[in-house]
C-alpha cells in the first residue's frame, strides 16, 4: 500500500480529448454547464461517480508519480497508459498503448513520499 495504491473501475473510460486535462486543477468532464451541479435527474451529465479532476490533481501533487490507464469503447481498440507531473500536466512521452478492458485505472506511486511527516501516519 505504501509504494503503490491502485484503483480501477469498469466505467466508460476517459475520451482521448479529455485525457490531457483530467488531472488539472479544477478540471472535470462530468459537468457540461453550471446547472449540472444541481441536476440530480438520472439523465444528467454526471450519472457516474468516476474519477474527479480535483482529486487527481491532488494525488499528482502528493505523489512521486500518477499513472492512468484507460480505454473507451468508442475511441480505442486497446487502452492507453500515461503519467502526470506534480502540477497535473500530462507527460507527453509517457503515453503508451496498454491492453485493458473498457474503464480506467489510476495508480499512485510514492504517496506522501515528499512529506515524511504525513507518510508516517499511513
N, C-alpha and C. Protein backbone atom coordinates (compact mmCIF):
# COMPACT_ATOMS: atom_id res chain seq x y z
N UNK A 1 0.78 -1.20 0.00
CA UNK A 1 0.00 0.00 0.00
C UNK A 1 0.82 1.28 0.00
N UNK A 2 2.03 1.25 0.58
CA UNK A 2 2.80 2.49 0.63
C UNK A 2 3.49 2.79 -0.69
N UNK A 3 3.92 1.79 -1.42
CA UNK A 3 4.62 2.03 -2.69
C UNK A 3 3.63 2.37 -3.81
N UNK A 4 2.51 1.63 -3.88
CA UNK A 4 1.55 1.86 -4.95
C UNK A 4 0.13 1.63 -4.44
N UNK A 5 -0.72 2.58 -4.74
CA UNK A 5 -2.15 2.43 -4.48
C UNK A 5 -2.82 2.49 -5.84
N UNK A 6 -3.66 1.48 -6.12
CA UNK A 6 -4.28 1.40 -7.44
C UNK A 6 -5.78 1.23 -7.28
N UNK A 7 -6.51 1.95 -8.10
CA UNK A 7 -7.97 1.89 -8.09
C UNK A 7 -8.45 1.77 -9.52
N UNK A 8 -9.30 0.78 -9.76
CA UNK A 8 -9.81 0.55 -11.12
C UNK A 8 -11.33 0.59 -11.13
N UNK A 9 -11.88 1.03 -12.25
CA UNK A 9 -13.33 0.96 -12.44
C UNK A 9 -13.63 0.30 -13.77
N UNK A 10 -14.88 -0.03 -13.96
CA UNK A 10 -15.31 -0.63 -15.22
C UNK A 10 -16.31 0.29 -15.90
N UNK A 11 -16.05 1.60 -15.78
CA UNK A 11 -16.93 2.60 -16.37
C UNK A 11 -16.73 2.72 -17.86
N UNK A 12 -16.86 3.94 -18.37
CA UNK A 12 -16.81 4.18 -19.81
C UNK A 12 -15.42 4.55 -20.32
N UNK A 13 -14.46 4.74 -19.43
CA UNK A 13 -13.13 5.19 -19.83
C UNK A 13 -13.12 6.68 -20.05
N UNK A 14 -11.93 7.22 -20.29
CA UNK A 14 -11.77 8.67 -20.50
C UNK A 14 -11.53 8.91 -21.98
N UNK A 15 -12.38 9.73 -22.63
CA UNK A 15 -12.18 10.02 -24.05
C UNK A 15 -10.82 10.66 -24.30
N UNK A 16 -10.25 10.39 -25.46
CA UNK A 16 -8.92 10.91 -25.80
C UNK A 16 -8.84 12.42 -25.67
N UNK A 17 -9.89 13.12 -26.02
CA UNK A 17 -9.87 14.59 -25.97
C UNK A 17 -9.80 15.12 -24.54
N UNK A 18 -10.22 14.33 -23.56
CA UNK A 18 -10.21 14.77 -22.15
C UNK A 18 -8.95 14.37 -21.41
N UNK A 19 -8.19 13.45 -21.93
CA UNK A 19 -7.05 12.89 -21.20
C UNK A 19 -6.01 13.92 -20.78
N UNK A 20 -5.63 14.87 -21.63
CA UNK A 20 -4.61 15.83 -21.19
C UNK A 20 -5.06 16.72 -20.02
N UNK A 21 -6.35 16.83 -19.81
CA UNK A 21 -6.89 17.75 -18.80
C UNK A 21 -7.34 17.08 -17.52
N UNK A 22 -7.36 15.77 -17.48
CA UNK A 22 -8.05 15.09 -16.39
C UNK A 22 -7.41 15.25 -15.01
N UNK A 23 -6.14 15.61 -14.93
CA UNK A 23 -5.51 15.82 -13.63
C UNK A 23 -5.17 17.28 -13.39
N UNK A 24 -5.74 18.16 -14.18
CA UNK A 24 -5.50 19.58 -13.95
C UNK A 24 -6.42 20.10 -12.86
N UNK A 25 -5.94 21.11 -12.18
CA UNK A 25 -6.70 21.70 -11.08
C UNK A 25 -8.06 22.20 -11.56
N UNK A 26 -9.09 21.89 -10.80
CA UNK A 26 -10.48 22.30 -11.05
C UNK A 26 -11.07 21.71 -12.32
N UNK A 27 -10.48 20.65 -12.84
CA UNK A 27 -10.99 20.05 -14.08
C UNK A 27 -11.97 18.92 -13.77
N UNK A 28 -13.00 18.82 -14.58
CA UNK A 28 -13.90 17.67 -14.52
C UNK A 28 -14.59 17.53 -15.87
N UNK A 29 -14.82 16.31 -16.27
CA UNK A 29 -15.56 16.07 -17.50
C UNK A 29 -17.00 15.69 -17.19
N UNK A 30 -17.34 15.68 -15.91
CA UNK A 30 -18.67 15.25 -15.50
C UNK A 30 -19.70 16.37 -15.61
N UNK A 31 -19.27 17.61 -15.65
CA UNK A 31 -20.18 18.74 -15.72
C UNK A 31 -20.00 19.47 -17.03
N UNK A 32 -21.08 19.72 -17.73
CA UNK A 32 -21.02 20.42 -19.01
C UNK A 32 -21.39 21.89 -18.88
N UNK A 33 -22.25 22.20 -17.90
CA UNK A 33 -22.66 23.58 -17.64
C UNK A 33 -22.89 23.72 -16.14
N UNK A 34 -22.93 24.95 -15.64
CA UNK A 34 -23.01 25.21 -14.21
C UNK A 34 -24.23 24.53 -13.57
N UNK A 35 -25.34 24.52 -14.25
CA UNK A 35 -26.58 23.98 -13.71
C UNK A 35 -26.49 22.47 -13.43
N UNK A 36 -25.55 21.79 -14.07
CA UNK A 36 -25.41 20.35 -13.86
C UNK A 36 -25.05 20.01 -12.42
N UNK A 37 -24.49 20.97 -11.69
CA UNK A 37 -24.15 20.74 -10.28
C UNK A 37 -25.41 20.40 -9.50
N UNK A 38 -26.53 21.01 -9.85
CA UNK A 38 -27.77 20.85 -9.11
C UNK A 38 -28.72 19.83 -9.74
N UNK A 39 -28.38 19.30 -10.90
CA UNK A 39 -29.25 18.36 -11.61
C UNK A 39 -29.05 16.96 -11.06
N UNK A 40 -30.09 16.39 -10.48
CA UNK A 40 -29.99 15.04 -9.93
C UNK A 40 -30.76 14.02 -10.77
N UNK A 41 -31.30 14.47 -11.90
CA UNK A 41 -32.03 13.56 -12.78
C UNK A 41 -31.09 12.48 -13.29
N UNK A 42 -31.62 11.31 -13.51
CA UNK A 42 -30.81 10.18 -13.97
C UNK A 42 -30.10 10.46 -15.29
N UNK A 43 -30.68 11.28 -16.14
CA UNK A 43 -30.09 11.57 -17.45
C UNK A 43 -29.16 12.79 -17.41
N UNK A 44 -28.76 13.20 -16.23
CA UNK A 44 -27.90 14.38 -16.13
C UNK A 44 -26.51 14.10 -16.69
N UNK A 45 -25.67 15.13 -16.75
CA UNK A 45 -24.30 14.99 -17.26
C UNK A 45 -23.40 14.26 -16.29
N UNK A 46 -23.80 14.06 -15.05
CA UNK A 46 -22.94 13.41 -14.07
C UNK A 46 -23.60 12.14 -13.51
N UNK A 47 -23.94 11.18 -14.38
CA UNK A 47 -24.64 9.99 -13.91
C UNK A 47 -23.73 8.98 -13.22
N UNK A 48 -22.41 9.17 -13.29
CA UNK A 48 -21.49 8.23 -12.65
C UNK A 48 -20.61 8.97 -11.68
N UNK A 49 -20.02 8.23 -10.77
CA UNK A 49 -19.10 8.85 -9.82
C UNK A 49 -17.76 9.10 -10.49
N UNK A 50 -17.14 8.09 -11.06
CA UNK A 50 -15.91 8.25 -11.82
C UNK A 50 -14.79 8.93 -11.04
N UNK A 51 -13.68 9.18 -11.69
CA UNK A 51 -12.54 9.86 -11.09
C UNK A 51 -12.68 11.35 -11.37
N UNK A 52 -12.50 12.15 -10.35
CA UNK A 52 -12.67 13.59 -10.46
C UNK A 52 -11.34 14.30 -10.62
N UNK A 53 -11.32 15.34 -11.45
CA UNK A 53 -10.11 16.08 -11.74
C UNK A 53 -9.42 16.66 -10.52
N UNK A 54 -10.17 17.25 -9.62
CA UNK A 54 -9.54 17.87 -8.46
C UNK A 54 -8.84 16.81 -7.60
N UNK A 55 -9.45 15.66 -7.45
CA UNK A 55 -8.82 14.58 -6.69
C UNK A 55 -7.56 14.09 -7.40
N UNK A 56 -7.61 13.96 -8.70
CA UNK A 56 -6.44 13.52 -9.45
C UNK A 56 -5.32 14.56 -9.38
N UNK A 57 -5.67 15.82 -9.42
CA UNK A 57 -4.68 16.88 -9.27
C UNK A 57 -3.98 16.78 -7.91
N UNK A 58 -4.75 16.58 -6.86
CA UNK A 58 -4.17 16.45 -5.51
C UNK A 58 -3.27 15.23 -5.42
N UNK A 59 -3.70 14.12 -5.99
CA UNK A 59 -2.86 12.92 -5.97
C UNK A 59 -1.56 13.14 -6.74
N UNK A 60 -1.63 13.82 -7.87
CA UNK A 60 -0.42 14.12 -8.64
C UNK A 60 0.52 14.99 -7.82
N UNK A 61 -0.06 15.93 -7.09
CA UNK A 61 0.70 16.85 -6.25
C UNK A 61 1.40 16.15 -5.09
N UNK A 62 0.77 15.14 -4.54
CA UNK A 62 1.25 14.49 -3.31
C UNK A 62 1.99 13.18 -3.54
N UNK A 63 2.23 12.83 -4.80
CA UNK A 63 2.87 11.55 -5.07
C UNK A 63 4.12 11.71 -5.93
N UNK A 64 4.90 10.66 -5.98
CA UNK A 64 6.06 10.63 -6.87
C UNK A 64 5.61 10.53 -8.31
N UNK A 65 4.54 9.76 -8.54
CA UNK A 65 4.06 9.54 -9.91
C UNK A 65 2.57 9.19 -9.89
N UNK A 66 1.84 9.74 -10.85
CA UNK A 66 0.42 9.42 -11.04
C UNK A 66 0.27 8.86 -12.45
N UNK A 67 -0.16 7.62 -12.53
CA UNK A 67 -0.32 6.94 -13.82
C UNK A 67 -1.79 6.58 -14.02
N UNK A 68 -2.28 6.81 -15.23
CA UNK A 68 -3.65 6.47 -15.58
C UNK A 68 -3.63 5.54 -16.78
N UNK A 69 -4.42 4.49 -16.71
CA UNK A 69 -4.63 3.59 -17.84
C UNK A 69 -6.12 3.59 -18.13
N UNK A 70 -6.48 3.84 -19.38
CA UNK A 70 -7.91 3.95 -19.69
C UNK A 70 -8.18 3.43 -21.10
N UNK A 71 -9.40 3.04 -21.30
CA UNK A 71 -9.86 2.60 -22.62
C UNK A 71 -11.35 2.89 -22.74
N UNK A 72 -11.74 3.48 -23.87
CA UNK A 72 -13.16 3.68 -24.16
C UNK A 72 -13.56 2.73 -25.28
N UNK A 73 -14.80 2.43 -25.34
CA UNK A 73 -15.29 1.54 -26.41
C UNK A 73 -15.33 2.29 -27.74
N UNK A 74 -15.54 3.62 -27.70
CA UNK A 74 -15.65 4.41 -28.92
C UNK A 74 -14.30 4.73 -29.55
N UNK A 75 -13.32 5.12 -28.72
CA UNK A 75 -12.05 5.63 -29.23
C UNK A 75 -10.96 4.59 -29.39
N UNK A 76 -11.04 3.51 -28.64
CA UNK A 76 -9.87 2.66 -28.50
C UNK A 76 -10.14 1.19 -28.80
N UNK A 77 -9.21 0.57 -29.52
CA UNK A 77 -9.23 -0.89 -29.67
C UNK A 77 -8.31 -1.50 -28.61
N UNK A 78 -7.42 -0.67 -28.07
CA UNK A 78 -6.52 -1.06 -26.98
C UNK A 78 -6.45 0.15 -26.05
N UNK A 79 -6.15 -0.09 -24.79
CA UNK A 79 -6.06 1.02 -23.84
C UNK A 79 -4.81 1.85 -24.02
N UNK A 80 -4.69 2.86 -23.18
CA UNK A 80 -3.55 3.76 -23.23
C UNK A 80 -3.16 4.11 -21.79
N UNK A 81 -1.87 4.07 -21.49
CA UNK A 81 -1.35 4.49 -20.19
C UNK A 81 -0.58 5.79 -20.37
N UNK A 82 -0.65 6.64 -19.36
CA UNK A 82 0.08 7.90 -19.39
C UNK A 82 0.24 8.41 -17.98
N UNK A 83 1.21 9.29 -17.78
CA UNK A 83 1.52 9.83 -16.46
C UNK A 83 1.35 11.34 -16.43
N UNK A 84 1.18 11.85 -15.21
CA UNK A 84 1.05 13.28 -14.98
C UNK A 84 2.15 13.75 -14.04
N UNK A 85 2.62 14.99 -14.24
CA UNK A 85 3.61 15.55 -13.34
C UNK A 85 2.91 16.12 -12.10
N UNK A 86 3.67 16.69 -11.19
CA UNK A 86 3.12 17.17 -9.92
C UNK A 86 2.13 18.33 -10.08
N UNK A 87 2.14 18.99 -11.24
CA UNK A 87 1.18 20.08 -11.49
C UNK A 87 -0.05 19.60 -12.27
N UNK A 88 -0.16 18.30 -12.47
CA UNK A 88 -1.31 17.75 -13.18
C UNK A 88 -1.21 17.83 -14.69
N UNK A 89 -0.02 18.11 -15.20
CA UNK A 89 0.19 18.18 -16.65
C UNK A 89 0.54 16.80 -17.20
N UNK A 90 -0.06 16.45 -18.31
CA UNK A 90 0.24 15.18 -18.97
C UNK A 90 1.70 15.19 -19.44
N UNK A 91 2.42 14.11 -19.15
CA UNK A 91 3.80 13.96 -19.62
C UNK A 91 3.72 13.28 -20.98
N UNK A 92 3.96 14.05 -22.02
CA UNK A 92 3.72 13.61 -23.40
C UNK A 92 4.45 12.32 -23.76
N UNK A 93 5.69 12.17 -23.33
CA UNK A 93 6.44 10.97 -23.72
C UNK A 93 6.12 9.75 -22.84
N UNK A 94 5.13 9.87 -21.96
CA UNK A 94 4.72 8.74 -21.12
C UNK A 94 3.58 7.93 -21.73
N UNK A 95 3.01 8.39 -22.84
CA UNK A 95 1.84 7.74 -23.43
C UNK A 95 2.25 6.46 -24.15
N UNK A 96 1.68 5.33 -23.71
CA UNK A 96 1.99 4.04 -24.33
C UNK A 96 0.72 3.21 -24.47
N UNK A 97 0.59 2.46 -25.57
CA UNK A 97 -0.55 1.55 -25.72
C UNK A 97 -0.48 0.48 -24.63
N UNK A 98 -1.63 0.19 -24.03
CA UNK A 98 -1.68 -0.77 -22.93
C UNK A 98 -2.97 -1.58 -23.01
N UNK A 99 -2.88 -2.90 -23.03
CA UNK A 99 -4.10 -3.71 -23.06
C UNK A 99 -4.89 -3.57 -21.75
N UNK A 100 -6.17 -3.38 -21.88
CA UNK A 100 -7.08 -3.39 -20.73
C UNK A 100 -8.51 -3.38 -21.24
N UNK A 101 -9.43 -3.75 -20.40
CA UNK A 101 -10.83 -3.69 -20.78
C UNK A 101 -11.31 -2.24 -20.67
N UNK A 102 -12.51 -1.97 -21.12
CA UNK A 102 -13.07 -0.62 -21.07
C UNK A 102 -13.16 -0.19 -19.60
N UNK A 103 -12.71 1.02 -19.33
CA UNK A 103 -12.71 1.57 -17.97
C UNK A 103 -11.42 2.32 -17.72
N UNK A 104 -11.15 2.60 -16.45
CA UNK A 104 -9.99 3.40 -16.07
C UNK A 104 -9.35 2.84 -14.81
N UNK A 105 -8.02 2.86 -14.79
CA UNK A 105 -7.25 2.51 -13.60
C UNK A 105 -6.34 3.68 -13.28
N UNK A 106 -6.34 4.08 -12.02
CA UNK A 106 -5.45 5.13 -11.54
C UNK A 106 -4.46 4.48 -10.58
N UNK A 107 -3.17 4.71 -10.82
CA UNK A 107 -2.11 4.17 -9.96
C UNK A 107 -1.32 5.34 -9.39
N UNK A 108 -1.18 5.34 -8.08
CA UNK A 108 -0.45 6.39 -7.38
C UNK A 108 0.79 5.76 -6.76
N UNK A 109 1.96 6.26 -7.13
CA UNK A 109 3.22 5.73 -6.63
C UNK A 109 3.87 6.73 -5.67
N UNK A 110 4.33 6.21 -4.53
CA UNK A 110 5.05 7.06 -3.57
C UNK A 110 4.20 8.16 -2.98
N UNK A 111 2.95 7.84 -2.58
CA UNK A 111 2.07 8.85 -1.98
C UNK A 111 2.71 9.39 -0.70
N UNK A 112 2.75 10.69 -0.57
CA UNK A 112 3.30 11.42 0.57
C UNK A 112 4.81 11.22 0.75
N UNK A 113 5.47 10.69 -0.26
CA UNK A 113 6.91 10.45 -0.17
C UNK A 113 7.70 11.73 0.12
N UNK A 114 7.26 12.83 -0.45
CA UNK A 114 7.95 14.11 -0.24
C UNK A 114 7.55 14.78 1.07
N UNK A 115 6.58 14.20 1.77
CA UNK A 115 6.11 14.75 3.04
C UNK A 115 6.23 13.68 4.13
N UNK A 116 7.43 13.40 4.60
CA UNK A 116 7.64 12.30 5.54
C UNK A 116 6.81 12.41 6.82
N UNK A 117 6.52 13.63 7.26
CA UNK A 117 5.73 13.80 8.46
C UNK A 117 4.29 13.27 8.26
N UNK A 118 3.76 13.33 7.03
CA UNK A 118 2.44 12.79 6.71
C UNK A 118 2.51 11.30 6.41
N UNK A 119 3.58 10.89 5.75
CA UNK A 119 3.73 9.49 5.36
C UNK A 119 3.79 8.56 6.57
N UNK A 120 4.35 9.02 7.66
CA UNK A 120 4.49 8.21 8.85
C UNK A 120 3.12 7.77 9.40
N UNK A 121 2.07 8.53 9.11
CA UNK A 121 0.72 8.20 9.58
C UNK A 121 0.00 7.20 8.69
N UNK A 122 0.61 6.84 7.58
CA UNK A 122 -0.07 5.94 6.65
C UNK A 122 0.07 4.49 7.05
